[in-house]
Amino acid sequence: MGCDTGTVNIDDKKWQDLGRWSGKTLQELRHQIAGYQSDEVRVYTVKTTKLIEKSNHVQHWGSGPNLEGDLATLCTCKHNMQLSHTCEKWKDRWILGLTSRAKSNGFSGKHYLLYMMKVEKAFDSHKEMYEYLEVNNKKSLRIKNAIENRLGDIFQPTDTCTNPINPLMYKNPHGDHSHSYDGDTLWHKDIVYTTNKCAPLLLGDRKNTFVWPTPMIIFDKNRGPGNMKLTLKDLFGFLSAI
């Protein structure tokens, strides 16, 4: 679909393949989610984004959110935000990830919409999400598996995993994984973020997931640090088309 995909091999990616998505216009987005105006949306910045001026494509070189495999998942990023709700209460809430606005990343001081998803399910552990996708979407699981994909965001449990929040019960990720580069064990925090607890892992509803490989919609408000809590109705007051 005209978007640079990084590299051909899944285990040697430099950035995520967003080419299977096509962004919606602001008018299309308004129309599709018109019935959800009172829903909560959490807005944050995906700092691992860069705008390639020549092609006008956004590159995302982090593992979270993972936007590959025709599904959006948030498992290796924004754990504090994920902990703002229990798994049960995350269902049907929304996440909006903005691009960086840094000039050093090719942006001109403006945030653009990168992705938006309505949460379909939330999981208490990587084991739980892994097993769910193994049954329901093996193709997406393979692409998101952190063993094969250095930008994957789902860690694979061992066959003898009896404690799903113990990092030692998981297979080591790709040697160059974004949270395991050069032997780093940052990925352990993705398994157990606080004492005996994994931050809820979020899976987007495919029918209500939108990804913008090219900038189309501007977020006009200075978002500030952390994440911002809005209703969808309030959100549209901060959006404008390019």
C-alpha atoms as a PDB file:
ATOM      1  CA  MET A   1       0.000   0.000   0.000  1.00  0.00           C
ATOM      2  CA  GLY A   2       2.934   2.254  -0.643  1.00  0.00           C
ATOM      3  CA  CYS A   3       4.377   2.366   2.869  1.00  0.00           C
ATOM      4  CA  ASP A   4       7.994   1.448   3.518  1.00  0.00           C
ATOM      5  CA  THR A   5       7.989  -1.738   5.583  1.00  0.00           C
ATOM      6  CA  GLY A   6      11.503  -1.685   7.018  1.00  0.00           C
ATOM      7  CA  THR A   7      12.844  -5.103   6.056  1.00  0.00           C
ATOM      8  CA  VAL A   8      11.401  -8.236   4.520  1.00  0.00           C
ATOM      9  CA  ASN A   9      12.394 -10.649   7.293  1.00  0.00           C
ATOM     10  CA  ILE A  10      10.229 -10.590  10.393  1.00  0.00           C
ATOM     11  CA  ASP A  11      13.252 -11.086  12.668  1.00  0.00           C
ATOM     12  CA  ASP A  12      15.238  -8.182  11.236  1.00  0.00           C
ATOM     13  CA  LYS A  13      12.786  -5.318  11.321  1.00  0.00           C
ATOM     14  CA  LYS A  14      13.963  -1.760  11.719  1.00  0.00           C
ATOM     15  CA  TRP A  15      10.426  -0.415  12.116  1.00  0.00           C
ATOM     16  CA  GLN A  16       6.907  -1.738  12.054  1.00  0.00           C
ATOM     17  CA  ASP A  17       5.052  -2.481   8.839  1.00  0.00           C
ATOM     18  CA  LEU A  18       2.077  -0.115   8.746  1.00  0.00           C
ATOM     19  CA  GLY A  19       1.426  -0.653   5.044  1.00  0.00           C
ATOM     20  CA  ARG A  20      -1.679  -2.795   5.537  1.00  0.00           C
ATOM     21  CA  TRP A  21      -3.511   0.124   7.138  1.00  0.00           C
ATOM     22  CA  SER A  22      -5.015   3.139   5.424  1.00  0.00           C
ATOM     23  CA  GLY A  23      -5.872   6.124   7.564  1.00  0.00           C
ATOM     24  CA  LYS A  24      -9.351   7.611   7.759  1.00  0.00           C
ATOM     25  CA  THR A  25     -10.116  11.244   7.138  1.00  0.00           C
ATOM     26  CA  LEU A  26     -11.397  13.308  10.035  1.00  0.00           C
ATOM     27  CA  GLN A  27     -14.874  13.260   8.523  1.00  0.00           C
ATOM     28  CA  GLU A  28     -14.791   9.463   8.159  1.00  0.00           C
ATOM     29  CA  LEU A  29     -13.569   9.060  11.723  1.00  0.00           C
ATOM     30  CA  ARG A  30     -16.336  11.294  13.064  1.00  0.00           C
ATOM     31  CA  HIS A  31     -18.940   9.271  11.188  1.00  0.00           C
ATOM     32  CA  GLN A  32     -17.673   5.862  12.279  1.00  0.00           C
ATOM     33  CA  ILE A  33     -17.498   6.598  16.000  1.00  0.00           C
ATOM     34  CA  ALA A  34     -20.451   8.978  16.213  1.00  0.00           C
ATOM     35  CA  GLY A  35     -22.283   6.589  18.525  1.00  0.00           C
ATOM     36  CA  TYR A  36     -19.518   6.570  21.163  1.00  0.00           C
ATOM     37  CA  GLN A  37     -19.341  10.265  22.100  1.00  0.00           C
ATOM     38  CA  SER A  38     -19.442   9.689  25.870  1.00  0.00           C
ATOM     39  CA  ASP A  39     -16.750   6.973  25.838  1.00  0.00           C
ATOM     40  CA  GLU A  40     -13.445   7.559  27.612  1.00  0.00           C
ATOM     41  CA  VAL A  41     -10.285   7.910  25.535  1.00  0.00           C
ATOM     42  CA  ARG A  42      -6.719   8.012  26.858  1.00  0.00           C
ATOM     43  CA  VAL A  43      -4.361  10.107  24.732  1.00  0.00           C
ATOM     44  CA  TYR A  44      -0.579   9.722  24.817  1.00  0.00           C
ATOM     45  CA  THR A  45       2.490  10.223  22.640  1.00  0.00           C
ATOM     46  CA  VAL A  46       4.279   7.385  20.856  1.00  0.00           C
ATOM     47  CA  LYS A  47       7.780   8.821  21.035  1.00  0.00           C
ATOM     48  CA  THR A  48       9.296   6.102  18.815  1.00  0.00           C
ATOM     49  CA  THR A  49       7.945   7.722  15.656  1.00  0.00           C
ATOM     50  CA  LYS A  50       9.673   9.576  12.848  1.00  0.00           C
ATOM     51  CA  LEU A  51       8.333  11.299   9.756  1.00  0.00           C
ATOM     52  CA  ILE A  52      10.159  10.545   6.517  1.00  0.00           C
ATOM     53  CA  GLU A  53       9.812  13.774   4.579  1.00  0.00           C
ATOM     54  CA  LYS A  54      10.526  12.326   1.142  1.00  0.00           C
ATOM     55  CA  SER A  55       7.718   9.746   1.296  1.00  0.00           C
ATOM     56  CA  ASN A  56       5.559  11.487   3.947  1.00  0.00           C
ATOM     57  CA  HIS A  57       5.335   8.193   5.843  1.00  0.00           C
ATOM     58  CA  VAL A  58       5.521   7.683   9.579  1.00  0.00           C
ATOM     59  CA  GLN A  59       7.999   5.116  10.867  1.00  0.00           C
ATOM     60  CA  HIS A  60       7.441   3.500  14.269  1.00  0.00           C
ATOM     61  CA  TRP A  61      10.514   1.698  15.570  1.00  0.00           C
ATOM     62  CA  GLY A  62       9.230   0.652  19.003  1.00  0.00           C
ATOM     63  CA  SER A  63       7.432  -2.514  20.023  1.00  0.00           C
ATOM     64  CA  GLY A  64       4.512  -0.798  21.736  1.00  0.00           C
ATOM     65  CA  PRO A  65       1.982  -0.272  20.413  1.00  0.00           C
ATOM     66  CA  ASN A  66       2.304  -3.173  18.025  1.00  0.00           C
ATOM     67  CA  LEU A  67       0.261  -2.396  14.908  1.00  0.00           C
ATOM     68  CA  GLU A  68       1.212  -5.416  12.819  1.00  0.00           C
ATOM     69  CA  GLY A  69      -0.818  -8.494  11.966  1.00  0.00           C
ATOM     70  CA  ASP A  70      -3.971  -6.442  11.280  1.00  0.00           C
ATOM     71  CA  LEU A  71      -4.443  -5.960  15.018  1.00  0.00           C
ATOM     72  CA  ALA A  72      -3.429  -3.283  17.496  1.00  0.00           C
ATOM     73  CA  THR A  73      -2.020  -4.423  20.830  1.00  0.00           C
ATOM     74  CA  LEU A  74      -0.523  -2.448  23.689  1.00  0.00           C
ATOM     75  CA  CYS A  75       1.646  -4.701  25.852  1.00  0.00           C
ATOM     76  CA  THR A  76       5.139  -3.179  26.114  1.00  0.00           C
ATOM     77  CA  CYS A  77       4.450   0.497  26.678  1.00  0.00           C
ATOM     78  CA  LYS A  78       2.536   2.913  28.936  1.00  0.00           C
ATOM     79  CA  HIS A  79       2.199   0.511  31.859  1.00  0.00           C
ATOM     80  CA  ASN A  80       1.161   3.268  34.258  1.00  0.00           C
ATOM     81  CA  MET A  81      -1.687   4.174  31.930  1.00  0.00           C
ATOM     82  CA  GLN A  82      -2.679   0.526  31.579  1.00  0.00           C
ATOM     83  CA  LEU A  83      -2.901   0.256  35.368  1.00  0.00           C
ATOM     84  CA  SER A  84      -5.493   3.048  35.474  1.00  0.00           C
ATOM     85  CA  HIS A  85      -8.206   0.400  34.967  1.00  0.00           C
ATOM     86  CA  THR A  86      -8.670  -3.278  35.727  1.00  0.00           C
ATOM     87  CA  CYS A  87      -8.909  -5.703  32.834  1.00  0.00           C
ATOM     88  CA  GLU A  88     -12.702  -5.770  33.182  1.00  0.00           C
ATOM     89  CA  LYS A  89     -13.024  -1.986  33.098  1.00  0.00           C
ATOM     90  CA  TRP A  90     -10.724  -1.518  30.091  1.00  0.00           C
ATOM     91  CA  LYS A  91     -13.244  -3.177  27.771  1.00  0.00           C
ATOM     92  CA  ASP A  92     -14.864  -0.669  25.392  1.00  0.00           C
ATOM     93  CA  ARG A  93     -12.606   2.229  26.405  1.00  0.00           C
ATOM     94  CA  TRP A  94     -10.387   3.886  23.803  1.00  0.00           C
ATOM     95  CA  ILE A  95      -6.675   4.523  23.334  1.00  0.00           C
ATOM     96  CA  LEU A  96      -5.265   7.228  21.060  1.00  0.00           C
ATOM     97  CA  GLY A  97      -1.559   7.274  20.262  1.00  0.00           C
ATOM     98  CA  LEU A  98      -0.090  10.452  18.786  1.00  0.00           C
ATOM     99  CA  THR A  99       3.119  10.837  16.836  1.00  0.00           C
ATOM    100  CA  SER A 100       6.084  12.670  18.264  1.00  0.00           C
ATOM    101  CA  ARG A 101       6.113  16.364  17.442  1.00  0.00           C
ATOM    102  CA  ALA A 102       9.903  16.751  17.740  1.00  0.00           C
ATOM    103  CA  LYS A 103      11.655  18.509  14.870  1.00  0.00           C
ATOM    104  CA  SER A 104      14.549  16.059  15.300  1.00  0.00           C
ATOM    105  CA  ASN A 105      12.108  13.293  14.317  1.00  0.00           C
ATOM    106  CA  GLY A 106      10.951  15.116  11.211  1.00  0.00           C
ATOM    107  CA  PHE A 107       7.836  16.697  12.706  1.00  0.00           C
ATOM    108  CA  SER A 108       7.239  20.439  12.804  1.00  0.00           C
ATOM    109  CA  GLY A 109       6.068  20.862  16.356  1.00  0.00           C
ATOM    110  CA  LYS A 110       2.686  19.196  15.747  1.00  0.00           C
ATOM    111  CA  HIS A 111       1.225  15.922  16.947  1.00  0.00           C
ATOM    112  CA  TYR A 112      -0.556  13.768  14.363  1.00  0.00           C
ATOM    113  CA  LEU A 113      -2.811  10.798  14.964  1.00  0.00           C
ATOM    114  CA  LEU A 114      -0.850   7.540  14.688  1.00  0.00           C
ATOM    115  CA  TYR A 115      -3.414   5.005  15.880  1.00  0.00           C
ATOM    116  CA  MET A 116      -6.694   4.773  17.724  1.00  0.00           C
ATOM    117  CA  MET A 117      -8.367   1.674  19.073  1.00  0.00           C
ATOM    118  CA  LYS A 118     -11.366   0.623  21.084  1.00  0.00           C
ATOM    119  CA  VAL A 119     -10.289  -2.009  23.600  1.00  0.00           C
ATOM    120  CA  GLU A 120     -11.966  -5.329  22.870  1.00  0.00           C
ATOM    121  CA  LYS A 121     -10.220  -7.386  25.557  1.00  0.00           C
ATOM    122  CA  ALA A 122      -7.636  -6.939  28.292  1.00  0.00           C
ATOM    123  CA  PHE A 123      -5.434  -9.680  29.729  1.00  0.00           C
ATOM    124  CA  ASP A 124      -3.766 -10.259  33.092  1.00  0.00           C
ATOM    125  CA  SER A 125      -0.607 -11.794  31.615  1.00  0.00           C
ATOM    126  CA  HIS A 126       1.300 -12.424  28.426  1.00  0.00           C
ATOM    127  CA  LYS A 127       0.481 -16.105  28.818  1.00  0.00           C
ATOM    128  CA  GLU A 128      -3.230 -15.310  28.770  1.00  0.00           C
ATOM    129  CA  MET A 129      -2.973 -13.125  25.664  1.00  0.00           C
ATOM    130  CA  TYR A 130      -0.633 -15.581  23.937  1.00  0.00           C
ATOM    131  CA  GLU A 131      -3.053 -18.465  24.475  1.00  0.00           C
ATOM    132  CA  TYR A 132      -6.024 -16.375  23.342  1.00  0.00           C
ATOM    133  CA  LEU A 133      -4.358 -15.427  20.041  1.00  0.00           C
ATOM    134  CA  GLU A 134      -3.034 -18.962  19.573  1.00  0.00           C
ATOM    135  CA  VAL A 135      -6.648 -20.098  19.348  1.00  0.00           C
ATOM    136  CA  ASN A 136      -8.205 -17.061  17.660  1.00  0.00           C
ATOM    137  CA  ASN A 137      -5.544 -15.504  15.430  1.00  0.00           C
ATOM    138  CA  LYS A 138      -2.357 -17.507  14.898  1.00  0.00           C
ATOM    139  CA  LYS A 139      -1.246 -15.324  12.001  1.00  0.00           C
ATOM    140  CA  SER A 140      -1.229 -12.173  14.114  1.00  0.00           C
ATOM    141  CA  LEU A 141       0.393 -14.008  17.016  1.00  0.00           C
ATOM    142  CA  ARG A 142       3.313 -15.072  14.852  1.00  0.00           C
ATOM    143  CA  ILE A 143       3.977 -11.507  13.755  1.00  0.00           C
ATOM    144  CA  LYS A 144       3.622 -10.126  17.276  1.00  0.00           C
ATOM    145  CA  ASN A 145       5.671 -12.886  18.930  1.00  0.00           C
ATOM    146  CA  ALA A 146       8.726 -11.283  20.552  1.00  0.00           C
ATOM    147  CA  ILE A 147      10.830 -14.375  19.866  1.00  0.00           C
ATOM    148  CA  GLU A 148      10.718 -13.963  16.089  1.00  0.00           C
ATOM    149  CA  ASN A 149      10.041 -10.242  15.746  1.00  0.00           C
ATOM    150  CA  ARG A 150      12.409  -7.810  17.439  1.00  0.00           C
ATOM    151  CA  LEU A 151       9.480  -5.377  17.551  1.00  0.00           C
ATOM    152  CA  GLY A 152       6.975  -7.972  18.752  1.00  0.00           C
ATOM    153  CA  ASP A 153       5.085  -7.183  21.949  1.00  0.00           C
ATOM    154  CA  ILE A 154       3.816 -10.586  23.110  1.00  0.00           C
ATOM    155  CA  PHE A 155       6.192 -12.828  25.056  1.00  0.00           C
ATOM    156  CA  GLN A 156       5.889 -16.587  24.699  1.00  0.00           C
ATOM    157  CA  PRO A 157       5.396 -18.692  27.841  1.00  0.00           C
ATOM    158  CA  THR A 158       7.355 -21.889  28.277  1.00  0.00           C
ATOM    159  CA  ASP A 159       5.510 -25.189  28.131  1.00  0.00           C
ATOM    160  CA  THR A 160       5.889 -25.438  31.903  1.00  0.00           C
ATOM    161  CA  CYS A 161       4.723 -21.903  32.724  1.00  0.00           C
ATOM    162  CA  THR A 162       3.028 -22.227  36.109  1.00  0.00           C
ATOM    163  CA  ASN A 163       3.439 -18.593  37.165  1.00  0.00           C
ATOM    164  CA  PRO A 164       2.434 -16.211  34.346  1.00  0.00           C
ATOM    165  CA  ILE A 165       3.933 -13.132  36.053  1.00  0.00           C
ATOM    166  CA  ASN A 166       7.394 -14.653  36.489  1.00  0.00           C
ATOM    167  CA  PRO A 167       9.743 -13.600  33.645  1.00  0.00           C
ATOM    168  CA  LEU A 168      11.681 -16.862  34.070  1.00  0.00           C
ATOM    169  CA  MET A 169       8.564 -18.697  32.905  1.00  0.00           C
ATOM    170  CA  TYR A 170       8.912 -17.133  29.457  1.00  0.00           C
ATOM    171  CA  LYS A 171      11.215 -17.836  26.558  1.00  0.00           C
ATOM    172  CA  ASN A 172      13.876 -15.200  25.962  1.00  0.00           C
ATOM    173  CA  PRO A 173      12.877 -12.715  23.251  1.00  0.00           C
ATOM    174  CA  HIS A 174      14.761 -11.976  20.060  1.00  0.00           C
ATOM    175  CA  GLY A 175      18.381 -11.063  20.836  1.00  0.00           C
ATOM    176  CA  ASP A 176      17.893  -7.595  19.341  1.00  0.00           C
ATOM    177  CA  HIS A 177      14.423  -7.052  20.764  1.00  0.00           C
ATOM    178  CA  SER A 178      13.672  -3.426  21.572  1.00  0.00           C
ATOM    179  CA  HIS A 179      13.372  -4.315  25.287  1.00  0.00           C
ATOM    180  CA  SER A 180      16.200  -6.833  25.320  1.00  0.00           C
ATOM    181  CA  TYR A 181      18.927  -5.283  23.190  1.00  0.00           C
ATOM    182  CA  ASP A 182      22.444  -6.388  24.127  1.00  0.00           C
ATOM    183  CA  GLY A 183      21.259  -8.505  27.047  1.00  0.00           C
ATOM    184  CA  ASP A 184      19.044  -5.873  28.662  1.00  0.00           C
ATOM    185  CA  THR A 185      16.168  -7.336  30.697  1.00  0.00           C
ATOM    186  CA  LEU A 186      13.772  -4.411  30.376  1.00  0.00           C
ATOM    187  CA  TRP A 187      11.261  -6.918  29.031  1.00  0.00           C
ATOM    188  CA  HIS A 188      10.919  -8.396  32.538  1.00  0.00           C
ATOM    189  CA  LYS A 189       8.942  -5.250  33.443  1.00  0.00           C
ATOM    190  CA  ASP A 190       6.502  -6.130  30.671  1.00  0.00           C
ATOM    191  CA  ILE A 191       5.811  -9.450  32.428  1.00  0.00           C
ATOM    192  CA  VAL A 192       5.562  -8.143  36.008  1.00  0.00           C
ATOM    193  CA  TYR A 193       5.411  -4.356  36.246  1.00  0.00           C
ATOM    194  CA  THR A 194       4.658  -3.949  39.935  1.00  0.00           C
ATOM    195  CA  THR A 195       4.811  -6.401  42.834  1.00  0.00           C
ATOM    196  CA  ASN A 196       3.050  -9.562  41.688  1.00  0.00           C
ATOM    197  CA  LYS A 197       1.132  -7.719  38.972  1.00  0.00           C
ATOM    198  CA  CYS A 198       1.252  -7.356  35.211  1.00  0.00           C
ATOM    199  CA  ALA A 199      -0.173  -4.160  33.762  1.00  0.00           C
ATOM    200  CA  PRO A 200      -3.330  -5.052  31.770  1.00  0.00           C
ATOM    201  CA  LEU A 201      -2.435  -5.985  28.212  1.00  0.00           C
ATOM    202  CA  LEU A 202      -4.776  -4.408  25.691  1.00  0.00           C
ATOM    203  CA  LEU A 203      -6.160  -5.831  22.447  1.00  0.00           C
ATOM    204  CA  GLY A 204      -7.988  -3.562  20.008  1.00  0.00           C
ATOM    205  CA  ASP A 205     -11.321  -4.261  18.371  1.00  0.00           C
ATOM    206  CA  ARG A 206     -10.370  -4.682  14.708  1.00  0.00           C
ATOM    207  CA  LYS A 207     -13.547  -2.945  13.486  1.00  0.00           C
ATOM    208  CA  ASN A 208     -12.744   0.073  15.634  1.00  0.00           C
ATOM    209  CA  THR A 209      -8.988   0.294  15.130  1.00  0.00           C
ATOM    210  CA  PHE A 210      -7.518   3.017  12.927  1.00  0.00           C
ATOM    211  CA  VAL A 211      -3.892   3.538  11.932  1.00  0.00           C
ATOM    212  CA  TRP A 212      -2.488   6.478   9.971  1.00  0.00           C
ATOM    213  CA  PRO A 213       0.695   5.536   8.034  1.00  0.00           C
ATOM    214  CA  THR A 214       0.785   9.115   6.746  1.00  0.00           C
ATOM    215  CA  PRO A 215      -0.160  12.298   8.639  1.00  0.00           C
ATOM    216  CA  MET A 216      -3.828  13.161   8.049  1.00  0.00           C
ATOM    217  CA  ILE A 217      -5.219  14.559  11.305  1.00  0.00           C
ATOM    218  CA  ILE A 218      -3.597  17.048  13.705  1.00  0.00           C
ATOM    219  CA  PHE A 219      -4.069  16.988  17.479  1.00  0.00           C
ATOM    220  CA  ASP A 220      -4.090  20.696  18.269  1.00  0.00           C
ATOM    221  CA  LYS A 221      -3.741  20.655  22.059  1.00  0.00           C
ATOM    222  CA  ASN A 222      -0.466  20.644  24.006  1.00  0.00           C
ATOM    223  CA  ARG A 223      -0.867  17.198  25.543  1.00  0.00           C
ATOM    224  CA  GLY A 224       1.699  17.540  28.318  1.00  0.00           C
ATOM    225  CA  PRO A 225       3.401  14.630  30.136  1.00  0.00           C
ATOM    226  CA  GLY A 226       1.852  11.238  30.812  1.00  0.00           C
ATOM    227  CA  ASN A 227      -1.555  10.597  29.296  1.00  0.00           C
ATOM    228  CA  MET A 228      -4.664  12.705  28.937  1.00  0.00           C
ATOM    229  CA  LYS A 229      -8.168  11.507  29.797  1.00  0.00           C
ATOM    230  CA  LEU A 230     -10.970  12.813  27.577  1.00  0.00           C
ATOM    231  CA  THR A 231     -14.343  11.819  26.198  1.00  0.00           C
ATOM    232  CA  LEU A 232     -14.545  11.223  22.466  1.00  0.00           C
ATOM    233  CA  LYS A 233     -16.823  14.254  22.233  1.00  0.00           C
ATOM    234  CA  ASP A 234     -14.155  16.444  23.843  1.00  0.00           C
ATOM    235  CA  LEU A 235     -11.438  14.876  21.704  1.00  0.00           C
ATOM    236  CA  PHE A 236     -12.944  16.089  18.461  1.00  0.00           C
ATOM    237  CA  GLY A 237     -12.607  19.647  19.702  1.00  0.00           C
ATOM    238  CA  PHE A 238      -8.812  19.208  19.479  1.00  0.00           C
ATOM    239  CA  LEU A 239      -8.652  17.577  16.023  1.00  0.00           C
ATOM    240  CA  SER A 240      -8.266  19.221  12.643  1.00  0.00           C
ATOM    241  CA  ALA A 241      -7.626  17.884   9.156  1.00  0.00           C
ATOM    242  CA  ILE A 242      -4.381  18.708   7.370  1.00  0.00           C
END
